[in-house]
């Protein structure tokens, strides 16, 4: 029984890490101004929707903390040099999106 537990626990941990890496990418971007961004607004890359805004909150320092969720098929497109700009939708000025 100890041998089974000895091997099953590391296997369980490795599988959990692999499943977490295979899912969507979630992170937070901070902005100085509230540009009218709302939850569920799209994140676009080359005019293709790659994710959504999943939260918009004001942090204690007065900055806007925007939680983004990028789909698993596009997570490799996000790098440490990616920029996320709040843009108005050309069809509907009041609708916003984030352009990567």
Protein backbone atom coordinates (compact mmCIF):
# COMPACT_ATOMS: atom_id res chain seq x y z
CA UNK A 1 0.00 0.00 0.00
CA UNK A 2 2.86 2.40 0.80
CA UNK A 3 4.42 1.69 -2.60
CA UNK A 4 1.16 2.52 -4.36
CA UNK A 5 0.87 5.80 -2.46
CA UNK A 6 4.56 6.53 -3.09
CA UNK A 7 4.06 6.35 -6.89
CA UNK A 8 0.50 7.61 -7.21
CA UNK A 9 1.01 10.96 -5.45
CA UNK A 10 3.82 12.20 -7.77
CA UNK A 11 1.88 10.93 -10.79
CA UNK A 12 -1.21 12.84 -9.64
CA UNK A 13 0.83 16.04 -9.15
CA UNK A 14 2.48 15.77 -12.60
CA UNK A 15 -0.89 15.18 -14.29
CA UNK A 16 -2.37 18.20 -12.50
CA UNK A 17 0.48 20.44 -13.63
CA UNK A 18 0.16 19.23 -17.23
CA UNK A 19 -3.59 19.85 -17.25
CA UNK A 20 -3.10 23.34 -15.80
CA UNK A 21 -0.57 24.18 -18.51
CA UNK A 22 -2.85 22.91 -21.27
CA UNK A 23 -5.72 25.23 -20.33
CA UNK A 24 -6.35 28.87 -20.97
CA UNK A 25 -3.93 31.60 -19.88
CA UNK A 26 -5.16 34.05 -17.23
CA UNK A 27 -3.37 37.19 -16.09
CA UNK A 28 -3.99 40.79 -15.05
CA UNK A 29 -3.12 43.99 -16.94
CA UNK A 30 -3.12 47.38 -15.19
CA UNK A 31 -4.30 50.64 -16.76
CA UNK A 32 -4.13 54.20 -15.42
CA UNK A 33 -7.54 55.21 -16.77
CA UNK A 34 -10.92 53.56 -17.04
CA UNK A 35 -11.72 53.58 -20.75
CA UNK A 36 -15.15 51.97 -20.41
CA UNK A 37 -13.93 48.39 -20.62
CA UNK A 38 -16.38 45.79 -19.32
CA UNK A 39 -16.38 42.13 -18.40
CA UNK A 40 -16.81 39.86 -21.45
CA UNK A 41 -15.31 42.42 -23.87
CA UNK A 42 -13.14 40.60 -26.43
CA UNK A 43 -9.35 40.41 -26.66
CA UNK A 44 -8.26 40.58 -30.33
CA UNK A 45 -5.04 39.69 -32.12
CA UNK A 46 -4.81 40.31 -35.88
CA UNK A 47 -8.58 40.93 -35.96
CA UNK A 48 -9.24 37.48 -34.45
CA UNK A 49 -10.82 36.99 -31.02
CA UNK A 50 -8.33 35.15 -28.82
CA UNK A 51 -9.85 35.75 -25.40
CA UNK A 52 -12.12 37.76 -23.13
CA UNK A 53 -11.98 40.23 -20.29
CA UNK A 54 -13.01 38.22 -17.23
CA UNK A 55 -12.82 40.96 -14.58
CA UNK A 56 -12.51 44.75 -14.29
CA UNK A 57 -11.70 46.16 -10.85
CA UNK A 58 -10.23 49.30 -9.35
CA UNK A 59 -7.21 48.47 -7.18
CA UNK A 60 -6.35 50.35 -3.93
CA UNK A 61 -3.81 52.52 -5.79
CA UNK A 62 -6.55 53.81 -8.11
CA UNK A 63 -5.44 51.84 -11.17
CA UNK A 64 -7.76 49.66 -13.22
CA UNK A 65 -6.92 45.95 -12.83
CA UNK A 66 -8.23 44.04 -15.87
CA UNK A 67 -8.22 40.25 -15.73
CA UNK A 68 -7.76 38.64 -19.14
CA UNK A 69 -8.39 35.05 -20.16
CA UNK A 70 -6.66 33.94 -23.38
CA UNK A 71 -7.86 30.75 -25.06
CA UNK A 72 -5.57 27.72 -24.93
CA UNK A 73 -5.05 27.77 -28.71
CA UNK A 74 -3.53 31.28 -28.50
CA UNK A 75 -1.57 31.18 -25.23
CA UNK A 76 1.76 30.84 -27.09
CA UNK A 77 1.07 34.16 -28.88
CA UNK A 78 1.33 36.05 -25.58
CA UNK A 79 4.91 36.95 -24.68
CA UNK A 80 6.58 39.17 -22.12
CA UNK A 81 6.71 41.89 -24.80
CA UNK A 82 2.98 41.78 -25.68
CA UNK A 83 1.09 45.07 -25.34
CA UNK A 84 -2.62 45.27 -24.57
CA UNK A 85 -4.34 48.45 -25.79
CA UNK A 86 -7.94 49.38 -25.08
CA UNK A 87 -9.59 50.24 -28.41
CA UNK A 88 -13.05 51.33 -29.51
CA UNK A 89 -14.98 49.05 -31.84
CA UNK A 90 -15.17 50.74 -35.28
CA UNK A 91 -18.77 49.56 -35.68
CA UNK A 92 -19.92 50.67 -32.23
CA UNK A 93 -17.87 53.41 -30.54
CA UNK A 94 -19.26 52.64 -27.07
CA UNK A 95 -18.19 49.00 -27.31
CA UNK A 96 -14.55 48.42 -26.31
CA UNK A 97 -12.07 45.63 -26.86
CA UNK A 98 -8.44 44.95 -26.07
CA UNK A 99 -6.04 44.76 -29.00
CA UNK A 100 -2.91 42.70 -28.48
